[in-house]
Amino acid sequence: MVKLKLDQEKEKGQFSLTIITGNSSVLQKLILNKILEGSEFKYYIPSWNLGQIIVDYVEL
């Protein structure tokens, strides 16, 4: 579901999207390892809210 949404947004162009993971470190690791690492998306986990992942896509 996350991969599908990221691909849909990518088709529209540049975006910034927040993925809410809550306290689930398992869910965060799954999203990071299976979807985001090695992809064209830039992402970070903000220090002020460890229960989310912010994903950016910028076309150059």
PDB file of N, CA and C in Angstrom:
ATOM      1  N   MET A   1       0.815  -1.184   0.000  1.00  0.00           N
ATOM      2  CA  MET A   1       0.000   0.000   0.000  1.00  0.00           C
ATOM      3  C   MET A   1       0.872   1.268   0.000  1.00  0.00           C
ATOM      4  N   VAL A   2       1.916   1.285   0.809  1.00  0.00           N
ATOM      5  CA  VAL A   2       2.817   2.443   0.869  1.00  0.00           C
ATOM      6  C   VAL A   2       3.524   2.616  -0.464  1.00  0.00           C
ATOM      7  N   LYS A   3       4.041   1.538  -1.021  1.00  0.00           N
ATOM      8  CA  LYS A   3       4.753   1.588  -2.313  1.00  0.00           C
ATOM      9  C   LYS A   3       3.823   2.101  -3.407  1.00  0.00           C
ATOM     10  N   LEU A   4       2.599   1.617  -3.419  1.00  0.00           N
ATOM     11  CA  LEU A   4       1.614   2.047  -4.418  1.00  0.00           C
ATOM     12  C   LEU A   4       1.349   3.547  -4.316  1.00  0.00           C
ATOM     13  N   LYS A   5       1.170   4.052  -3.098  1.00  0.00           N
ATOM     14  CA  LYS A   5       0.912   5.485  -2.901  1.00  0.00           C
ATOM     15  C   LYS A   5       2.106   6.329  -3.332  1.00  0.00           C
ATOM     16  N   LEU A   6       3.315   5.886  -2.995  1.00  0.00           N
ATOM     17  CA  LEU A   6       4.511   6.622  -3.408  1.00  0.00           C
ATOM     18  C   LEU A   6       4.621   6.666  -4.930  1.00  0.00           C
ATOM     19  N   ASP A   7       4.340   5.560  -5.580  1.00  0.00           N
ATOM     20  CA  ASP A   7       4.399   5.518  -7.047  1.00  0.00           C
ATOM     21  C   ASP A   7       3.335   6.408  -7.679  1.00  0.00           C
ATOM     22  N   GLN A   8       2.143   6.433  -7.092  1.00  0.00           N
ATOM     23  CA  GLN A   8       1.070   7.303  -7.606  1.00  0.00           C
ATOM     24  C   GLN A   8       1.456   8.774  -7.491  1.00  0.00           C
ATOM     25  N   GLU A   9       2.005   9.152  -6.362  1.00  0.00           N
ATOM     26  CA  GLU A   9       2.410  10.541  -6.162  1.00  0.00           C
ATOM     27  C   GLU A   9       3.579  10.912  -7.075  1.00  0.00           C
ATOM     28  N   LYS A  10       4.483   9.986  -7.295  1.00  0.00           N
ATOM     29  CA  LYS A  10       5.639  10.222  -8.172  1.00  0.00           C
ATOM     30  C   LYS A  10       5.183  10.536  -9.597  1.00  0.00           C
ATOM     31  N   GLU A  11       4.128   9.878 -10.039  1.00  0.00           N
ATOM     32  CA  GLU A  11       3.591  10.120 -11.381  1.00  0.00           C
ATOM     33  C   GLU A  11       3.114  11.564 -11.546  1.00  0.00           C
ATOM     34  N   LYS A  12       2.691  12.190 -10.463  1.00  0.00           N
ATOM     35  CA  LYS A  12       2.190  13.562 -10.501  1.00  0.00           C
ATOM     36  C   LYS A  12       3.323  14.585 -10.484  1.00  0.00           C
ATOM     37  N   GLY A  13       4.512  14.163 -10.039  1.00  0.00           N
ATOM     38  CA  GLY A  13       5.645  15.080  -9.958  1.00  0.00           C
ATOM     39  C   GLY A  13       6.199  15.133  -8.543  1.00  0.00           C
ATOM     40  N   GLN A  14       6.820  16.258  -8.216  1.00  0.00           N
ATOM     41  CA  GLN A  14       7.467  16.421  -6.913  1.00  0.00           C
ATOM     42  C   GLN A  14       6.437  16.383  -5.779  1.00  0.00           C
ATOM     43  N   PHE A  15       6.861  15.827  -4.639  1.00  0.00           N
ATOM     44  CA  PHE A  15       5.962  15.775  -3.494  1.00  0.00           C
ATOM     45  C   PHE A  15       6.734  15.600  -2.194  1.00  0.00           C
ATOM     46  N   SER A  16       6.031  15.866  -1.108  1.00  0.00           N
ATOM     47  CA  SER A  16       6.489  15.563   0.241  1.00  0.00           C
ATOM     48  C   SER A  16       5.319  14.871   0.921  1.00  0.00           C
ATOM     49  N   LEU A  17       5.584  13.738   1.554  1.00  0.00           N
ATOM     50  CA  LEU A  17       4.529  12.914   2.111  1.00  0.00           C
ATOM     51  C   LEU A  17       4.963  12.412   3.483  1.00  0.00           C
ATOM     52  N   THR A  18       4.048  12.341   4.425  1.00  0.00           N
ATOM     53  CA  THR A  18       4.353  11.845   5.760  1.00  0.00           C
ATOM     54  C   THR A  18       3.707  10.485   5.957  1.00  0.00           C
ATOM     55  N   ILE A  19       4.506   9.509   6.333  1.00  0.00           N
ATOM     56  CA  ILE A  19       4.012   8.174   6.641  1.00  0.00           C
ATOM     57  C   ILE A  19       3.975   8.052   8.164  1.00  0.00           C
ATOM     58  N   ILE A  20       2.795   7.772   8.701  1.00  0.00           N
ATOM     59  CA  ILE A  20       2.633   7.627  10.149  1.00  0.00           C
ATOM     60  C   ILE A  20       2.863   6.158  10.509  1.00  0.00           C
ATOM     61  N   THR A  21       3.846   5.912  11.366  1.00  0.00           N
ATOM     62  CA  THR A  21       4.138   4.538  11.792  1.00  0.00           C
ATOM     63  C   THR A  21       3.843   4.327  13.272  1.00  0.00           C
ATOM     64  N   GLY A  22       3.593   5.383  13.994  1.00  0.00           N
ATOM     65  CA  GLY A  22       3.346   5.258  15.424  1.00  0.00           C
ATOM     66  C   GLY A  22       4.566   4.698  16.141  1.00  0.00           C
ATOM     67  N   ASN A  23       4.340   3.902  17.152  1.00  0.00           N
ATOM     68  CA  ASN A  23       5.435   3.335  17.937  1.00  0.00           C
ATOM     69  C   ASN A  23       5.973   2.038  17.355  1.00  0.00           C
ATOM     70  N   SER A  24       5.564   1.674  16.152  1.00  0.00           N
ATOM     71  CA  SER A  24       5.952   0.393  15.579  1.00  0.00           C
ATOM     72  C   SER A  24       7.320   0.465  14.899  1.00  0.00           C
ATOM     73  N   SER A  25       8.346   0.040  15.618  1.00  0.00           N
ATOM     74  CA  SER A  25       9.679  -0.003  15.021  1.00  0.00           C
ATOM     75  C   SER A  25       9.744  -1.076  13.938  1.00  0.00           C
ATOM     76  N   VAL A  26       8.929  -2.121  14.057  1.00  0.00           N
ATOM     77  CA  VAL A  26       8.874  -3.177  13.041  1.00  0.00           C
ATOM     78  C   VAL A  26       8.344  -2.598  11.732  1.00  0.00           C
ATOM     79  N   LEU A  27       7.276  -1.828  11.796  1.00  0.00           N
ATOM     80  CA  LEU A  27       6.700  -1.203  10.603  1.00  0.00           C
ATOM     81  C   LEU A  27       7.684  -0.221   9.981  1.00  0.00           C
ATOM     82  N   GLN A  28       8.357   0.569  10.802  1.00  0.00           N
ATOM     83  CA  GLN A  28       9.343   1.514  10.287  1.00  0.00           C
ATOM     84  C   GLN A  28      10.467   0.792   9.557  1.00  0.00           C
ATOM     85  N   LYS A  29      11.006  -0.247  10.159  1.00  0.00           N
ATOM     86  CA  LYS A  29      12.092  -1.003   9.534  1.00  0.00           C
ATOM     87  C   LYS A  29      11.641  -1.633   8.228  1.00  0.00           C
ATOM     88  N   LEU A  30      10.423  -2.154   8.197  1.00  0.00           N
ATOM     89  CA  LEU A  30       9.885  -2.771   6.991  1.00  0.00           C
ATOM     90  C   LEU A  30       9.811  -1.751   5.857  1.00  0.00           C
ATOM     91  N   ILE A  31       9.273  -0.576   6.143  1.00  0.00           N
ATOM     92  CA  ILE A  31       9.140   0.475   5.124  1.00  0.00           C
ATOM     93  C   ILE A  31      10.524   0.942   4.664  1.00  0.00           C
ATOM     94  N   LEU A  32      11.421   1.140   5.609  1.00  0.00           N
ATOM     95  CA  LEU A  32      12.762   1.591   5.254  1.00  0.00           C
ATOM     96  C   LEU A  32      13.497   0.545   4.418  1.00  0.00           C
ATOM     97  N   ASN A  33      13.512  -0.699   4.875  1.00  0.00           N
ATOM     98  CA  ASN A  33      14.283  -1.754   4.212  1.00  0.00           C
ATOM     99  C   ASN A  33      13.688  -2.205   2.883  1.00  0.00           C
ATOM    100  N   LYS A  34      12.377  -2.344   2.808  1.00  0.00           N
ATOM    101  CA  LYS A  34      11.737  -2.916   1.617  1.00  0.00           C
ATOM    102  C   LYS A  34      11.369  -1.879   0.564  1.00  0.00           C
ATOM    103  N   ILE A  35      11.185  -0.616   0.972  1.00  0.00           N
ATOM    104  CA  ILE A  35      10.664   0.374   0.027  1.00  0.00           C
ATOM    105  C   ILE A  35      11.622   1.546  -0.196  1.00  0.00           C
ATOM    106  N   LEU A  36      12.115   2.146   0.870  1.00  0.00           N
ATOM    107  CA  LEU A  36      12.815   3.419   0.722  1.00  0.00           C
ATOM    108  C   LEU A  36      14.319   3.307   0.459  1.00  0.00           C
ATOM    109  N   GLU A  37      15.007   2.412   1.132  1.00  0.00           N
ATOM    110  CA  GLU A  37      16.457   2.309   0.942  1.00  0.00           C
ATOM    111  C   GLU A  37      16.768   1.864  -0.480  1.00  0.00           C
ATOM    112  N   GLY A  38      17.650   2.599  -1.134  1.00  0.00           N
ATOM    113  CA  GLY A  38      18.010   2.297  -2.510  1.00  0.00           C
ATOM    114  C   GLY A  38      17.041   2.828  -3.549  1.00  0.00           C
ATOM    115  N   SER A  39      16.003   3.545  -3.117  1.00  0.00           N
ATOM    116  CA  SER A  39      15.035   4.106  -4.061  1.00  0.00           C
ATOM    117  C   SER A  39      15.432   5.545  -4.399  1.00  0.00           C
ATOM    118  N   GLU A  40      14.679   6.158  -5.284  1.00  0.00           N
ATOM    119  CA  GLU A  40      14.935   7.551  -5.677  1.00  0.00           C
ATOM    120  C   GLU A  40      14.334   8.540  -4.685  1.00  0.00           C
ATOM    121  N   PHE A  41      13.630   8.029  -3.667  1.00  0.00           N
ATOM    122  CA  PHE A  41      13.003   8.891  -2.666  1.00  0.00           C
ATOM    123  C   PHE A  41      14.003   9.276  -1.582  1.00  0.00           C
ATOM    124  N   LYS A  42      13.924  10.513  -1.136  1.00  0.00           N
ATOM    125  CA  LYS A  42      14.698  10.983   0.017  1.00  0.00           C
ATOM    126  C   LYS A  42      13.763  10.899   1.221  1.00  0.00           C
ATOM    127  N   TYR A  43      14.299  10.508   2.362  1.00  0.00           N
ATOM    128  CA  TYR A  43      13.445  10.337   3.527  1.00  0.00           C
ATOM    129  C   TYR A  43      14.218  10.615   4.809  1.00  0.00           C
ATOM    130  N   TYR A  44      13.482  10.931   5.847  1.00  0.00           N
ATOM    131  CA  TYR A  44      14.079  11.110   7.168  1.00  0.00           C
ATOM    132  C   TYR A  44      13.019  10.907   8.242  1.00  0.00           C
ATOM    133  N   ILE A  45      13.493  10.579   9.435  1.00  0.00           N
ATOM    134  CA  ILE A  45      12.638  10.447  10.609  1.00  0.00           C
ATOM    135  C   ILE A  45      12.950  11.654  11.491  1.00  0.00           C
ATOM    136  N   PRO A  46      11.995  12.567  11.651  1.00  0.00           N
ATOM    137  CA  PRO A  46      12.269  13.782  12.418  1.00  0.00           C
ATOM    138  C   PRO A  46      12.471  13.480  13.904  1.00  0.00           C
ATOM    139  N   SER A  47      13.396  14.172  14.514  1.00  0.00           N
ATOM    140  CA  SER A  47      13.710  13.946  15.926  1.00  0.00           C
ATOM    141  C   SER A  47      12.554  14.354  16.838  1.00  0.00           C
ATOM    142  N   TRP A  48      11.681  15.244  16.382  1.00  0.00           N
ATOM    143  CA  TRP A  48      10.570  15.704  17.198  1.00  0.00           C
ATOM    144  C   TRP A  48       9.370  14.753  17.161  1.00  0.00           C
ATOM    145  N   ASN A  49       9.387  13.763  16.226  1.00  0.00           N
ATOM    146  CA  ASN A  49       8.310  12.775  16.163  1.00  0.00           C
ATOM    147  C   ASN A  49       8.859  11.494  15.545  1.00  0.00           C
ATOM    148  N   LEU A  50       9.280  10.577  16.375  1.00  0.00           N
ATOM    149  CA  LEU A  50       9.892   9.340  15.892  1.00  0.00           C
ATOM    150  C   LEU A  50       8.872   8.363  15.320  1.00  0.00           C
ATOM    151  N   GLY A  51       7.607   8.703  15.370  1.00  0.00           N
ATOM    152  CA  GLY A  51       6.552   7.841  14.854  1.00  0.00           C
ATOM    153  C   GLY A  51       6.134   8.184  13.442  1.00  0.00           C
ATOM    154  N   GLN A  52       6.994   8.865  12.710  1.00  0.00           N
ATOM    155  CA  GLN A  52       6.672   9.174  11.311  1.00  0.00           C
ATOM    156  C   GLN A  52       7.924   9.167  10.461  1.00  0.00           C
ATOM    157  N   ILE A  53       7.715   8.962   9.174  1.00  0.00           N
ATOM    158  CA  ILE A  53       8.783   9.029   8.186  1.00  0.00           C
ATOM    159  C   ILE A  53       8.328  10.067   7.157  1.00  0.00           C
ATOM    160  N   ILE A  54       9.172  11.048   6.893  1.00  0.00           N
ATOM    161  CA  ILE A  54       8.843  12.055   5.878  1.00  0.00           C
ATOM    162  C   ILE A  54       9.599  11.683   4.608  1.00  0.00           C
ATOM    163  N   VAL A  55       8.854  11.565   3.519  1.00  0.00           N
ATOM    164  CA  VAL A  55       9.411  11.148   2.238  1.00  0.00           C
ATOM    165  C   VAL A  55       9.272  12.306   1.255  1.00  0.00           C
ATOM    166  N   ASP A  56      10.359  12.617   0.567  1.00  0.00           N
ATOM    167  CA  ASP A  56      10.368  13.672  -0.457  1.00  0.00           C
ATOM    168  C   ASP A  56      10.787  13.077  -1.779  1.00  0.00           C
ATOM    169  N   TYR A  57      10.191  13.614  -2.847  1.00  0.00           N
ATOM    170  CA  TYR A  57      10.620  13.254  -4.196  1.00  0.00           C
ATOM    171  C   TYR A  57      10.780  14.534  -4.982  1.00  0.00           C
ATOM    172  N   VAL A  58      11.951  14.741  -5.549  1.00  0.00           N
ATOM    173  CA  VAL A  58      12.258  15.946  -6.316  1.00  0.00           C
ATOM    174  C   VAL A  58      12.796  15.522  -7.674  1.00  0.00           C
ATOM    175  N   GLU A  59      12.182  16.013  -8.710  1.00  0.00           N
ATOM    176  CA  GLU A  59      12.670  15.764 -10.069  1.00  0.00           C
ATOM    177  C   GLU A  59      13.741  16.793 -10.396  1.00  0.00           C
ATOM    178  N   LEU A  60      14.816  16.356 -10.958  1.00  0.00           N
ATOM    179  CA  LEU A  60      15.873  17.287 -11.343  1.00  0.00           C
ATOM    180  C   LEU A  60      15.831  17.562 -12.827  1.00  0.00           C
TER     181      LEU A  60
END
